[in-house]
Amino acid sequence: MSRHIPVALPLLPRAEDILPYLKMVDDARIYSNFGPLAQELSKRLAEALALNSGDVVMTSSGTSALMATILALTGGGQVGGKGRYVALPSFTFAASALAVELCGFTPYFVDVSEDTWCLTPEAVLALPLQDEIALVMPVAPFGRAVPQAAWKAYRNLTGIPVVIDAAASFSCIETDPSAYLGDIPTVFSLHATKGFGIGEGGAVACSDADLIERIGWTLNFGFAGSRESAMASFNGKLSEHQAAVGHAALDQWPAKREMLETVAALYREAFRLTGQANRLITYPEVDGGYCLYLCVDSAESVAVMQSLGADDIGHRFWYGGGVNSHLHFATAPHTDMSVSEDLARRLIGLPMFPDLSAASVARVARAVASAGAYIMQDKADK
């Protein structure tokens, strides 16, 4: 039997759990275009997030949800709207910046707060070329939810629209929706790797009914009550087969959430026993799909990765070196990235999935604790 522990091992509903919903698709013979299962799933998600039934729209992916929201708020960067830049953090997944670019804007990467790992209104207000900022996209790092209050104040002060990329935040936001949801659109990814995932899909939550309607039009070729394309748009709708998986996943979500809570508790206890609990970040502080270890410095990061690798334990720098370090975005404008670069070197993703065993968690904790031996060996070699 393999001793390998993967860094992620998604768990979605089994075929027999999805089958009743697939039979509904067969009976209705509606397969896309905001079909009945997709509409009902949006209502169920709205209820889970303490929103009104019309406050959520489903999308084919988290990226399409971002794109539709950006276009609905701005009209797109190629159609004469205000500004050419979207301010966003580099400390995120590449999809955030790619969505910005595909909507016709240039990403302007801004460093994040050392305390929250998030973009702040103050950092955006300090940017030059304020007149050329079309939109701001704060990102919830690893699902750490972004409160809306400060960004509402920023939007009211500047008139610049805001969209929150909360890709992995469903499991964090549902614990206190009133703090994190409102009339600033909040975008979720429902990818299989997220705590609550459906394989592939996304959603936008917003209490602004007019904006939700425009986002729906943007997801459907710009058809606003007719078959005439009336705005910058594309096809980003959730299919009925994706929605079938979503319903089954939502049925099972309470049990899956409990499994994630159990694994997180196992991690906290295992790292307490090794004296390193203060540098462990896990659910519910971040999404249930993540468990993170914050190293003291890059030397410890190297040692921890060596120790994990020696014991065949998967690990990852989830955000790499930051999006502005990617080849495609190498020429994009950015601020000083000291905090982002430091976090990227020190924050290691550890294995996290619902059925991770107690024995495996203990192995991970021992491997991290053993990193000191690699540091001592490195010093001896020098």
Protein backbone atom coordinates (compact mmCIF):
# COMPACT_ATOMS: atom_id res chain seq x y z
CA MET A 1 0.00 0.00 0.00
CA SER A 2 1.33 3.43 -0.94
CA ARG A 3 2.42 5.68 1.91
CA HIS A 4 1.90 8.79 -0.20
CA ILE A 5 -0.35 11.45 1.30
CA PRO A 6 -1.62 13.81 -1.42
CA VAL A 7 -1.94 17.52 -0.69
CA ALA A 8 -5.57 17.38 -1.87
CA LEU A 9 -8.03 14.59 -2.59
CA PRO A 10 -11.46 16.05 -3.47
CA LEU A 11 -14.60 14.24 -2.35
CA LEU A 12 -17.80 14.73 -4.34
CA PRO A 13 -21.15 12.90 -4.24
CA ARG A 14 -21.16 9.39 -5.65
CA ALA A 15 -23.05 8.48 -8.81
CA GLU A 16 -25.99 6.98 -6.92
CA ASP A 17 -26.44 10.22 -4.97
CA ILE A 18 -26.52 12.32 -8.15
CA LEU A 19 -28.80 9.95 -10.08
CA PRO A 20 -32.16 11.24 -8.76
CA TYR A 21 -31.28 14.72 -9.96
CA LEU A 22 -30.05 13.43 -13.32
CA LYS A 23 -33.42 11.75 -13.77
CA MET A 24 -35.04 15.16 -13.27
CA VAL A 25 -32.87 16.47 -16.10
CA ASP A 26 -33.98 13.57 -18.29
CA ASP A 27 -37.64 14.22 -17.52
CA ALA A 28 -37.45 17.99 -18.10
CA ARG A 29 -35.26 17.74 -21.23
CA ILE A 30 -33.77 21.11 -20.34
CA TYR A 31 -29.99 20.97 -20.20
CA SER A 32 -28.80 24.58 -19.85
CA ASN A 33 -30.04 28.20 -20.18
CA PHE A 34 -30.85 28.74 -16.48
CA GLY A 35 -32.76 25.47 -16.27
CA PRO A 36 -34.91 24.42 -13.32
CA LEU A 37 -32.15 22.62 -11.41
CA ALA A 38 -29.77 25.56 -11.76
CA GLN A 39 -32.46 27.99 -10.62
CA GLU A 40 -33.38 25.83 -7.65
CA LEU A 41 -29.71 25.45 -6.71
CA SER A 42 -29.32 29.24 -6.69
CA LYS A 43 -32.27 29.46 -4.28
CA ARG A 44 -30.82 26.78 -2.00
CA LEU A 45 -27.43 28.53 -1.90
CA ALA A 46 -29.13 31.85 -1.18
CA GLU A 47 -30.97 30.25 1.73
CA ALA A 48 -27.72 28.76 3.06
CA LEU A 49 -26.17 32.23 2.93
CA ALA A 50 -29.18 33.96 4.58
CA LEU A 51 -29.97 35.88 1.38
CA ASN A 52 -33.18 36.44 -0.57
CA SER A 53 -33.96 33.79 -3.17
CA GLY A 54 -33.01 36.04 -6.10
CA ASP A 55 -29.67 37.14 -4.69
CA VAL A 56 -27.56 34.34 -6.19
CA VAL A 57 -26.85 33.49 -9.84
CA MET A 58 -25.09 30.29 -10.87
CA THR A 59 -22.19 30.17 -13.34
CA SER A 60 -20.16 27.55 -15.19
CA SER A 61 -17.00 28.30 -13.15
CA GLY A 62 -15.56 30.73 -10.66
CA THR A 63 -13.66 32.43 -13.48
CA SER A 64 -16.83 32.96 -15.52
CA ALA A 65 -18.50 34.37 -12.39
CA LEU A 66 -15.68 36.93 -12.06
CA MET A 67 -15.80 37.82 -15.74
CA ALA A 68 -19.57 38.26 -15.79
CA THR A 69 -19.48 40.47 -12.72
CA ILE A 70 -16.63 42.63 -14.05
CA LEU A 71 -18.48 43.12 -17.35
CA ALA A 72 -21.79 43.85 -15.62
CA LEU A 73 -20.13 46.50 -13.43
CA THR A 74 -17.97 48.16 -16.10
CA GLY A 75 -19.08 47.16 -19.60
CA GLY A 76 -15.53 45.92 -20.25
CA GLY A 77 -12.24 47.66 -20.89
CA GLN A 78 -12.61 47.76 -24.67
CA VAL A 79 -15.90 49.68 -24.81
CA GLY A 80 -14.90 53.08 -23.51
CA GLY A 81 -15.56 52.67 -19.80
CA LYS A 82 -13.66 54.62 -17.16
CA GLY A 83 -10.06 53.53 -16.66
CA ARG A 84 -7.94 50.71 -17.94
CA TYR A 85 -6.71 49.15 -14.71
CA VAL A 86 -8.23 46.75 -12.21
CA ALA A 87 -6.47 46.84 -8.84
CA LEU A 88 -6.08 43.42 -7.25
CA PRO A 89 -3.57 41.51 -5.15
CA SER A 90 -0.82 39.41 -6.64
CA PHE A 91 -1.19 37.03 -3.69
CA THR A 92 -3.95 34.98 -5.33
CA PHE A 93 -4.58 32.29 -7.94
CA ALA A 94 -3.95 33.17 -11.59
CA ALA A 95 -7.68 33.03 -12.46
CA SER A 96 -8.26 36.38 -10.72
CA ALA A 97 -5.90 38.24 -13.04
CA LEU A 98 -6.86 36.27 -16.13
CA ALA A 99 -10.53 37.20 -15.64
CA VAL A 100 -9.51 40.86 -15.47
CA GLU A 101 -7.48 40.60 -18.67
CA LEU A 102 -10.18 38.70 -20.57
CA CYS A 103 -12.60 41.54 -19.78
CA GLY A 104 -10.28 44.00 -21.51
CA PHE A 105 -8.49 45.49 -18.50
CA THR A 106 -4.89 45.51 -17.31
CA PRO A 107 -4.24 44.04 -13.86
CA TYR A 108 -2.53 46.43 -11.44
CA PHE A 109 -1.07 44.29 -8.68
CA VAL A 110 -1.07 45.70 -5.16
CA ASP A 111 0.65 44.33 -2.06
CA VAL A 112 -1.45 42.89 0.76
CA SER A 113 -1.70 43.43 4.50
CA GLU A 114 0.70 41.38 6.60
CA ASP A 115 -2.07 40.74 9.16
CA THR A 116 -4.95 39.69 6.90
CA TRP A 117 -3.10 38.74 3.66
CA CYS A 118 -5.76 40.85 1.92
CA LEU A 119 -5.87 43.99 -0.19
CA THR A 120 -6.85 47.11 1.76
CA PRO A 121 -8.68 50.25 0.61
CA GLU A 122 -5.79 52.35 1.94
CA ALA A 123 -3.32 50.54 -0.35
CA VAL A 124 -5.55 51.14 -3.37
CA LEU A 125 -6.06 54.81 -2.48
CA ALA A 126 -2.27 55.22 -2.41
CA LEU A 127 -1.91 54.13 -6.04
CA PRO A 128 -0.97 56.66 -8.72
CA LEU A 129 -3.29 57.09 -11.72
CA GLN A 130 -6.44 56.99 -9.59
CA ASP A 131 -8.48 58.23 -12.56
CA GLU A 132 -7.51 55.14 -14.52
CA ILE A 133 -8.75 52.57 -12.01
CA ALA A 134 -11.93 51.04 -13.40
CA LEU A 135 -12.59 48.49 -10.66
CA VAL A 136 -11.07 46.98 -7.52
CA MET A 137 -11.00 43.24 -6.81
CA PRO A 138 -10.13 42.29 -3.23
CA VAL A 139 -9.43 38.56 -2.90
CA ALA A 140 -10.23 36.32 0.07
CA PRO A 141 -6.92 34.41 0.43
CA PHE A 142 -7.50 30.70 0.95
CA GLY A 143 -11.12 31.52 1.72
CA ARG A 144 -10.40 33.98 4.55
CA ALA A 145 -13.58 36.00 4.21
CA VAL A 146 -13.41 39.73 3.33
CA PRO A 147 -15.77 41.99 5.33
CA GLN A 148 -17.76 44.35 3.11
CA ALA A 149 -17.91 47.44 5.35
CA ALA A 150 -14.53 48.94 4.46
CA TRP A 151 -15.00 48.30 0.77
CA LYS A 152 -18.45 49.89 0.80
CA ALA A 153 -16.86 52.98 2.31
CA TYR A 154 -14.18 52.93 -0.40
CA ARG A 155 -16.78 52.56 -3.15
CA ASN A 156 -18.89 55.38 -1.72
CA LEU A 157 -15.84 57.63 -1.45
CA THR A 158 -14.43 57.01 -4.94
CA GLY A 159 -17.38 55.84 -7.04
CA ILE A 160 -15.20 52.93 -8.22
CA PRO A 161 -17.02 49.57 -8.29
CA VAL A 162 -15.76 46.64 -6.23
CA VAL A 163 -16.12 42.88 -6.68
CA ILE A 164 -14.87 40.47 -4.02
CA ASP A 165 -13.17 37.34 -5.31
CA ALA A 166 -14.23 34.98 -2.52
CA ALA A 167 -13.48 31.87 -4.54
CA ALA A 168 -12.99 29.48 -1.63
CA SER A 169 -14.99 31.36 1.00
CA PHE A 170 -18.34 29.56 1.04
CA SER A 171 -17.51 27.50 4.13
CA CYS A 172 -16.19 30.59 5.95
CA ILE A 173 -18.91 33.03 4.93
CA GLU A 174 -21.85 30.79 5.79
CA THR A 175 -20.95 31.06 9.47
CA ASP A 176 -21.63 34.84 9.49
CA PRO A 177 -23.13 35.97 6.16
CA SER A 178 -24.20 39.40 7.37
CA ALA A 179 -20.56 40.51 7.76
CA TYR A 180 -19.42 39.32 4.37
CA LEU A 181 -22.37 39.65 1.98
CA GLY A 182 -24.32 42.66 0.76
CA ASP A 183 -24.60 44.89 -2.28
CA ILE A 184 -20.95 44.41 -3.24
CA PRO A 185 -20.97 41.30 -5.46
CA THR A 186 -19.19 38.32 -3.93
CA VAL A 187 -17.93 35.61 -6.28
CA PHE A 188 -17.57 31.94 -5.34
CA SER A 189 -15.80 29.09 -7.07
CA LEU A 190 -17.43 25.68 -6.66
CA HIS A 191 -14.47 23.77 -8.05
CA ALA A 192 -13.91 20.27 -6.68
CA THR A 193 -10.92 21.43 -4.61
CA LYS A 194 -13.00 23.85 -2.54
CA GLY A 195 -14.51 22.84 0.78
CA PHE A 196 -17.93 23.04 -0.83
CA GLY A 197 -17.42 21.99 -4.43
CA ILE A 198 -19.51 20.52 -7.23
CA GLY A 199 -16.73 19.57 -9.65
CA GLU A 200 -16.86 22.74 -11.71
CA GLY A 201 -19.07 25.77 -11.25
CA GLY A 202 -19.42 29.13 -9.61
CA ALA A 203 -21.87 31.61 -8.16
CA VAL A 204 -22.28 35.33 -7.56
CA ALA A 205 -24.06 36.55 -4.41
CA CYS A 206 -25.31 40.13 -4.17
CA SER A 207 -28.28 41.91 -2.58
CA ASP A 208 -28.47 44.35 -5.53
CA ALA A 209 -31.23 42.72 -7.60
CA ASP A 210 -30.59 44.90 -10.65
CA LEU A 211 -26.91 43.92 -10.70
CA ILE A 212 -27.71 40.23 -10.34
CA GLU A 213 -30.04 40.55 -13.33
CA ARG A 214 -27.31 42.23 -15.41
CA ILE A 215 -24.85 39.51 -14.44
CA GLY A 216 -27.37 36.94 -15.68
CA TRP A 217 -27.63 38.74 -19.02
CA THR A 218 -23.85 38.92 -19.25
CA LEU A 219 -23.64 35.15 -18.73
CA ASN A 220 -26.09 34.60 -21.60
CA PHE A 221 -24.69 36.47 -24.62
CA GLY A 222 -26.10 39.81 -23.44
CA PHE A 223 -29.69 38.72 -24.09
CA ALA A 224 -31.78 41.07 -21.95
CA GLY A 225 -35.32 39.86 -22.59
CA SER A 226 -34.70 39.30 -26.30
CA ARG A 227 -32.31 37.48 -28.60
CA GLU A 228 -30.39 40.66 -29.36
CA SER A 229 -26.94 40.88 -27.79
CA ALA A 230 -27.11 44.17 -25.91
CA MET A 231 -23.84 44.26 -23.95
CA ALA A 232 -20.33 42.83 -23.59
CA SER A 233 -21.03 39.22 -22.70
CA PHE A 234 -20.27 35.53 -23.23
CA ASN A 235 -21.70 32.11 -22.39
CA GLY A 236 -21.02 31.29 -18.75
CA LYS A 237 -24.16 29.52 -17.56
CA LEU A 238 -24.24 26.51 -15.28
CA SER A 239 -25.49 23.40 -17.06
CA GLU A 240 -28.24 21.24 -15.59
CA HIS A 241 -25.84 18.31 -15.23
CA GLN A 242 -23.48 20.48 -13.18
CA ALA A 243 -26.47 21.63 -11.14
CA ALA A 244 -27.42 18.00 -10.47
CA VAL A 245 -24.04 17.44 -8.84
CA GLY A 246 -24.50 20.71 -6.96
CA HIS A 247 -27.80 19.59 -5.42
CA ALA A 248 -26.31 16.30 -4.28
CA ALA A 249 -23.28 18.13 -2.88
CA LEU A 250 -25.52 20.54 -0.98
CA ASP A 251 -27.53 17.61 0.41
CA GLN A 252 -24.29 16.17 1.79
CA TRP A 253 -22.66 19.43 2.81
CA PRO A 254 -23.49 19.25 6.57
CA ALA A 255 -21.86 15.81 6.81
CA LYS A 256 -18.86 16.88 4.72
CA ARG A 257 -18.42 20.05 6.77
CA GLU A 258 -18.36 17.94 9.92
CA MET A 259 -15.65 15.75 8.37
CA LEU A 260 -13.56 18.84 7.57
CA GLU A 261 -14.06 20.14 11.12
CA THR A 262 -12.86 16.79 12.46
CA VAL A 263 -9.69 16.83 10.34
CA ALA A 264 -9.00 20.44 11.35
CA ALA A 265 -9.34 19.46 15.02
CA LEU A 266 -6.96 16.54 14.50
CA TYR A 267 -4.43 18.93 13.00
CA ARG A 268 -4.72 21.40 15.87
CA GLU A 269 -4.18 18.64 18.44
CA ALA A 270 -1.28 17.04 16.54
CA PHE A 271 0.49 20.37 16.14
CA ARG A 272 -0.20 21.23 19.79
CA LEU A 273 1.64 18.09 20.79
CA THR A 274 4.64 19.09 18.67
CA GLY A 275 4.55 22.67 19.99
CA GLN A 276 3.76 24.30 16.62
CA ALA A 277 0.02 24.98 16.84
CA ASN A 278 0.53 28.75 16.80
CA ARG A 279 1.72 28.62 13.19
CA LEU A 280 -1.00 26.30 11.90
CA ILE A 281 -3.89 27.88 9.99
CA THR A 282 -6.85 25.65 9.26
CA TYR A 283 -10.65 25.53 9.01
CA PRO A 284 -12.67 27.59 9.91
CA GLU A 285 -10.11 30.43 9.69
CA VAL A 286 -9.54 29.37 6.08
CA ASP A 287 -11.66 27.23 3.76
CA GLY A 288 -12.02 23.55 4.57
CA GLY A 289 -9.99 22.70 1.48
CA TYR A 290 -6.82 24.18 3.01
CA CYS A 291 -4.46 23.57 5.88
CA LEU A 292 -1.52 25.98 6.03
CA TYR A 293 1.72 26.20 7.97
CA LEU A 294 3.42 29.59 8.29
CA CYS A 295 7.16 29.15 8.50
CA VAL A 296 9.39 31.61 10.34
CA ASP A 297 11.52 32.28 7.26
CA SER A 298 12.46 30.83 3.88
CA ALA A 299 15.13 28.61 5.46
CA GLU A 300 12.49 26.88 7.55
CA SER A 301 10.27 26.60 4.46
CA VAL A 302 12.99 24.72 2.61
CA ALA A 303 13.55 22.44 5.58
CA VAL A 304 9.82 21.72 6.06
CA MET A 305 9.43 20.87 2.38
CA GLN A 306 12.47 18.59 2.51
CA SER A 307 11.06 16.81 5.55
CA LEU A 308 7.59 16.43 4.01
CA GLY A 309 9.07 15.21 0.73
CA ALA A 310 11.27 12.64 2.50
CA ASP A 311 8.14 11.13 4.06
CA ASP A 312 6.21 11.19 0.74
CA ILE A 313 3.77 13.84 1.95
CA GLY A 314 2.26 16.21 -0.61
CA HIS A 315 2.64 19.94 -0.05
CA ARG A 316 2.37 23.10 -2.10
CA PHE A 317 2.90 26.83 -2.31
CA TRP A 318 -0.69 27.35 -3.45
CA TYR A 319 -0.09 30.85 -4.85
CA GLY A 320 3.42 30.19 -6.10
CA GLY A 321 5.46 33.38 -6.01
CA GLY A 322 2.43 35.57 -6.66
CA VAL A 323 0.66 36.17 -9.96
CA ASN A 324 2.90 39.08 -10.95
CA SER A 325 5.81 36.61 -11.05
CA HIS A 326 4.07 34.55 -13.76
CA LEU A 327 5.54 34.90 -17.24
CA HIS A 328 2.26 36.13 -18.72
CA PHE A 329 1.98 38.99 -16.20
CA ALA A 330 5.66 39.88 -15.93
CA THR A 331 5.16 43.34 -17.46
CA ALA A 332 1.97 44.23 -15.55
CA PRO A 333 2.25 47.26 -13.26
CA HIS A 334 2.60 46.57 -9.55
CA THR A 335 3.50 48.14 -6.25
CA ASP A 336 6.30 46.97 -4.00
CA MET A 337 5.47 43.33 -3.22
CA SER A 338 7.45 42.80 -0.02
CA VAL A 339 4.62 41.31 2.04
CA SER A 340 3.27 39.14 -0.79
CA GLU A 341 6.71 37.80 -1.64
CA ASP A 342 7.44 37.05 2.00
CA LEU A 343 4.15 35.20 2.49
CA ALA A 344 4.66 33.27 -0.74
CA ARG A 345 7.99 31.95 0.55
CA ARG A 346 6.72 31.02 4.01
CA LEU A 347 3.14 29.75 3.70
CA ILE A 348 3.09 26.04 2.90
CA GLY A 349 -0.06 24.13 2.02
CA LEU A 350 -0.35 20.84 3.91
CA PRO A 351 -2.61 17.87 3.03
CA MET A 352 -6.28 18.60 3.68
CA PHE A 353 -9.34 16.63 2.61
CA PRO A 354 -12.45 15.26 4.34
CA ASP A 355 -11.34 11.67 4.91
CA LEU A 356 -7.72 12.37 5.86
CA SER A 357 -6.97 9.93 8.67
CA ALA A 358 -5.72 10.70 12.15
CA ALA A 359 -2.61 8.63 11.45
CA SER A 360 -1.85 10.68 8.34
CA VAL A 361 -2.35 13.95 10.21
CA ALA A 362 0.07 12.73 12.88
CA ARG A 363 2.62 11.88 10.15
CA VAL A 364 2.33 15.39 8.73
CA ALA A 365 2.83 16.94 12.17
CA ARG A 366 5.90 14.79 12.84
CA ALA A 367 7.39 15.64 9.45
CA VAL A 368 6.96 19.37 10.05
CA ALA A 369 8.44 19.04 13.54
CA SER A 370 11.40 17.14 12.08
CA ALA A 371 12.35 20.06 9.85
CA GLY A 372 14.75 21.24 12.55
CA ALA A 373 17.05 18.35 11.70
CA TYR A 374 17.28 19.55 8.09
CA ILE A 375 18.13 23.06 9.25
CA MET A 376 20.89 21.70 11.52
CA GLN A 377 22.27 19.56 8.69
CA ASP A 378 22.27 22.54 6.34
CA LYS A 379 24.21 24.59 8.88
CA ALA A 380 26.66 21.73 9.35
CA ASP A 381 27.17 21.45 5.59
CA LYS A 382 28.01 25.14 5.43
